[in-house]
Amino acid sequence: MTTKPHAAEENPRIDLSRQLLLAMPGRVTGELANTVIYVCEHTEHGALGLVVNRPTDLTIGDLLQRIDLPLSLEIGPVRETPVFFGGPVQTDRGFVLHVPRGDYNSSIPVDDNVALTTSRDVLQDVAAGHGPAHLLVTLGYAGWGAGQLEDELASNAWLNVLSSHEILFDTPAEQRYDAALAQLGIRSAMLASDAGHA
């Protein structure tokens, strides 16, 4: 007698870790409309990602001063780098995506080079002028419960594409959506929303 396989066996779980999610016009609304989200972790329990194309008026220098970290003269141009809106969850908490991974107290290794750190020690290094070579600092993150992101993908709310260090750390924020789309051979004009504006 054979038994019917479970749904999980019929549909192998997708893992979008290290991918970029591109919000589809008219499908994703509210605070995540028009965003590019880097997925740091995606498991059967849910997903966590950071919006990487929504800079705020706050700079890294401002943030470091707000949390009482003295700025070294060696901090350099990173002082004027914007802090990003990372998503609507825990917007009072800092998240640092960085290369190289380093050895910090509270880090999630994302791949061989990239880590996501939430502990203060990475910001202490930045303030002292010897932080990670590449970093993106956000306040807040985007989160999904178990199966939620998969459901949103099934309803065509997001496009996904493998991320690159160039898009995350070298491409200007306002160009990241188009740069990620280009990897799929798509231009943003091809995604024009049917919603329109009055």
Protein backbone atom coordinates (compact mmCIF):
# COMPACT_ATOMS: atom_id res chain seq x y z
CA MET A 1 0.00 0.00 0.00
CA THR A 2 1.41 3.38 -0.98
CA THR A 3 0.72 6.60 0.83
CA LYS A 4 0.19 9.97 -0.78
CA PRO A 5 3.19 12.26 -0.26
CA HIS A 6 2.71 15.31 1.91
CA ALA A 7 2.28 18.66 0.17
CA ALA A 8 5.72 19.72 1.40
CA GLU A 9 7.21 16.77 -0.48
CA GLU A 10 5.23 17.55 -3.63
CA ASN A 11 6.33 21.20 -3.56
CA PRO A 12 9.93 21.50 -2.41
CA ARG A 13 10.41 24.58 -0.27
CA ILE A 14 11.99 27.53 -2.01
CA ASP A 15 14.80 29.41 -0.30
CA LEU A 16 15.07 33.08 -1.26
CA SER A 17 18.00 33.83 1.04
CA ARG A 18 20.57 36.08 -0.69
CA GLN A 19 18.01 37.13 -3.30
CA LEU A 20 16.49 40.52 -4.03
CA LEU A 21 12.73 40.96 -3.99
CA LEU A 22 11.36 43.66 -6.29
CA ALA A 23 7.93 45.00 -5.37
CA MET A 24 5.56 44.76 -8.32
CA PRO A 25 3.77 48.04 -9.08
CA GLY A 26 0.16 47.94 -7.97
CA ARG A 27 0.65 44.60 -6.17
CA VAL A 28 2.69 45.76 -3.18
CA THR A 29 1.29 48.84 -1.48
CA GLY A 30 1.95 50.83 1.67
CA GLU A 31 5.42 51.13 3.15
CA LEU A 32 6.91 48.41 0.93
CA ALA A 33 5.68 49.80 -2.41
CA ASN A 34 8.49 50.27 -4.96
CA THR A 35 11.04 48.62 -2.70
CA VAL A 36 14.02 46.37 -3.31
CA ILE A 37 14.43 43.97 -0.39
CA TYR A 38 17.51 41.86 0.28
CA VAL A 39 16.42 38.58 1.87
CA CYS A 40 18.84 37.80 4.69
CA GLU A 41 17.13 34.67 5.96
CA HIS A 42 14.34 32.47 4.63
CA THR A 43 13.34 29.28 6.43
CA GLU A 44 10.18 27.26 6.94
CA HIS A 45 9.43 29.62 9.86
CA GLY A 46 9.38 32.77 7.73
CA ALA A 47 11.67 35.35 6.17
CA LEU A 48 13.62 38.45 7.16
CA GLY A 49 14.84 41.06 4.70
CA LEU A 50 16.09 44.63 4.50
CA VAL A 51 14.84 47.35 2.18
CA VAL A 52 17.97 48.54 0.34
CA ASN A 53 16.64 51.38 -1.81
CA ARG A 54 14.96 53.71 0.70
CA PRO A 55 17.57 56.06 2.26
CA THR A 56 16.42 58.32 5.10
CA ASP A 57 17.61 61.81 6.04
CA LEU A 58 19.58 60.30 8.92
CA THR A 59 23.29 59.66 8.29
CA ILE A 60 25.46 57.00 9.89
CA GLY A 61 27.32 59.80 11.69
CA ASP A 62 24.02 61.09 13.12
CA LEU A 63 23.05 57.59 14.24
CA LEU A 64 26.37 56.95 15.96
CA GLN A 65 26.09 60.24 17.84
CA ARG A 66 22.51 59.43 18.89
CA ILE A 67 23.71 56.22 20.53
CA ASP A 68 26.59 58.04 22.22
CA LEU A 69 29.46 56.59 20.21
CA PRO A 70 32.33 59.07 19.79
CA LEU A 71 33.35 59.53 16.16
CA SER A 72 37.01 59.01 15.31
CA LEU A 73 38.61 61.32 12.75
CA GLU A 74 39.32 58.11 10.83
CA ILE A 75 35.63 57.38 10.25
CA GLY A 76 35.92 59.06 6.83
CA PRO A 77 33.11 59.41 4.27
CA VAL A 78 31.01 56.65 5.86
CA ARG A 79 29.94 59.36 8.32
CA GLU A 80 27.77 60.96 5.61
CA THR A 81 26.34 57.68 4.30
CA PRO A 82 22.56 57.54 4.74
CA VAL A 83 20.83 55.14 7.09
CA PHE A 84 18.08 53.23 5.27
CA PHE A 85 14.46 52.49 6.12
CA GLY A 86 14.86 48.72 6.39
CA GLY A 87 11.19 47.85 6.77
CA PRO A 88 8.21 48.39 9.05
CA VAL A 89 9.24 45.94 11.81
CA GLN A 90 11.32 47.15 14.82
CA THR A 91 12.00 50.56 13.28
CA ASP A 92 13.78 51.67 16.45
CA ARG A 93 16.43 48.97 16.04
CA GLY A 94 19.54 49.07 13.86
CA PHE A 95 20.52 46.35 11.41
CA VAL A 96 23.91 46.31 9.69
CA LEU A 97 24.48 44.34 6.50
CA HIS A 98 28.21 44.16 5.90
CA VAL A 99 31.25 42.69 4.13
CA PRO A 100 33.43 41.10 5.39
CA ARG A 101 31.52 39.13 8.01
CA GLY A 102 33.91 39.84 10.88
CA ASP A 103 33.44 38.47 14.37
CA TYR A 104 30.60 40.33 16.07
CA ASN A 105 28.42 39.34 19.01
CA SER A 106 25.09 39.03 17.26
CA SER A 107 25.51 38.17 13.57
CA ILE A 108 23.70 36.00 11.07
CA PRO A 109 26.07 34.78 8.33
CA VAL A 110 24.21 35.36 5.07
CA ASP A 111 26.85 33.91 2.78
CA ASP A 112 30.63 33.39 2.78
CA ASN A 113 31.27 37.15 2.85
CA VAL A 114 28.08 38.90 3.99
CA ALA A 115 26.64 39.05 7.52
CA LEU A 116 23.72 40.78 9.18
CA THR A 117 24.66 42.15 12.61
CA THR A 118 22.39 43.67 15.24
CA SER A 119 24.88 44.12 18.08
CA ARG A 120 26.44 47.44 19.03
CA ASP A 121 30.03 46.26 18.53
CA VAL A 122 29.89 46.61 14.73
CA LEU A 123 28.85 50.27 15.11
CA GLN A 124 31.64 50.81 17.65
CA ASP A 125 34.08 49.63 14.98
CA VAL A 126 32.51 51.96 12.41
CA ALA A 127 32.73 54.93 14.80
CA ALA A 128 36.39 54.13 15.48
CA GLY A 129 37.15 54.10 11.75
CA HIS A 130 37.85 50.40 11.35
CA GLY A 131 34.44 48.95 10.57
CA PRO A 132 33.59 46.60 7.69
CA ALA A 133 34.77 47.60 4.21
CA HIS A 134 31.20 47.68 2.91
CA LEU A 135 28.09 48.23 4.97
CA LEU A 136 24.45 49.16 4.72
CA VAL A 137 22.75 50.33 7.91
CA THR A 138 18.98 50.21 8.31
CA LEU A 139 16.42 50.99 10.95
CA GLY A 140 13.81 48.25 10.93
CA TYR A 141 13.34 45.22 8.72
CA ALA A 142 10.73 43.50 6.57
CA GLY A 143 9.41 40.24 7.97
CA TRP A 144 7.11 37.44 6.86
CA GLY A 145 5.57 34.60 8.85
CA ALA A 146 5.66 30.94 7.83
CA GLY A 147 4.45 30.58 4.24
CA GLN A 148 3.55 34.26 3.89
CA LEU A 149 6.30 35.22 1.45
CA GLU A 150 5.58 32.11 -0.64
CA ASP A 151 1.92 33.15 -0.84
CA GLU A 152 2.87 36.67 -1.90
CA LEU A 153 5.18 35.29 -4.60
CA ALA A 154 2.40 33.02 -5.85
CA SER A 155 0.16 36.10 -6.23
CA ASN A 156 2.87 37.86 -8.27
CA ALA A 157 3.53 40.54 -5.64
CA TRP A 158 7.31 40.21 -6.03
CA LEU A 159 9.92 39.45 -8.63
CA ASN A 160 13.04 37.80 -7.31
CA VAL A 161 16.60 37.80 -8.62
CA LEU A 162 19.95 36.70 -7.21
CA SER A 163 21.64 39.59 -5.43
CA SER A 164 25.12 40.93 -6.06
CA HIS A 165 27.56 42.94 -3.97
CA GLU A 166 27.57 45.57 -6.73
CA ILE A 167 23.84 46.24 -6.34
CA LEU A 168 23.94 46.16 -2.53
CA PHE A 169 27.00 48.29 -1.91
CA ASP A 170 28.13 50.07 -5.09
CA THR A 171 24.96 51.03 -6.98
CA PRO A 172 23.31 54.32 -5.93
CA ALA A 173 20.11 53.62 -3.95
CA GLU A 174 17.80 55.18 -6.54
CA GLN A 175 19.23 52.91 -9.26
CA ARG A 176 19.01 49.58 -7.38
CA TYR A 177 15.49 48.69 -8.55
CA ASP A 178 16.37 49.18 -12.22
CA ALA A 179 19.76 47.47 -11.80
CA ALA A 180 18.10 44.40 -10.29
CA LEU A 181 15.42 44.38 -12.99
CA ALA A 182 18.12 44.55 -15.66
CA GLN A 183 19.46 41.21 -14.43
CA LEU A 184 16.10 39.75 -15.51
CA GLY A 185 16.23 41.54 -18.85
CA ILE A 186 13.35 43.80 -17.82
CA ARG A 187 12.99 47.59 -17.81
CA SER A 188 10.76 49.28 -15.23
CA ALA A 189 8.61 50.82 -17.97
CA MET A 190 7.52 47.26 -18.83
CA LEU A 191 6.04 46.92 -15.34
CA ALA A 192 3.80 49.99 -15.49
CA SER A 193 1.00 49.63 -12.97
CA ASP A 194 -2.56 49.47 -14.20
CA ALA A 195 -3.60 51.46 -11.14
CA GLY A 196 -2.65 54.84 -12.54
CA HIS A 197 -3.00 58.16 -10.73
CA ALA A 198 -5.77 60.71 -10.88
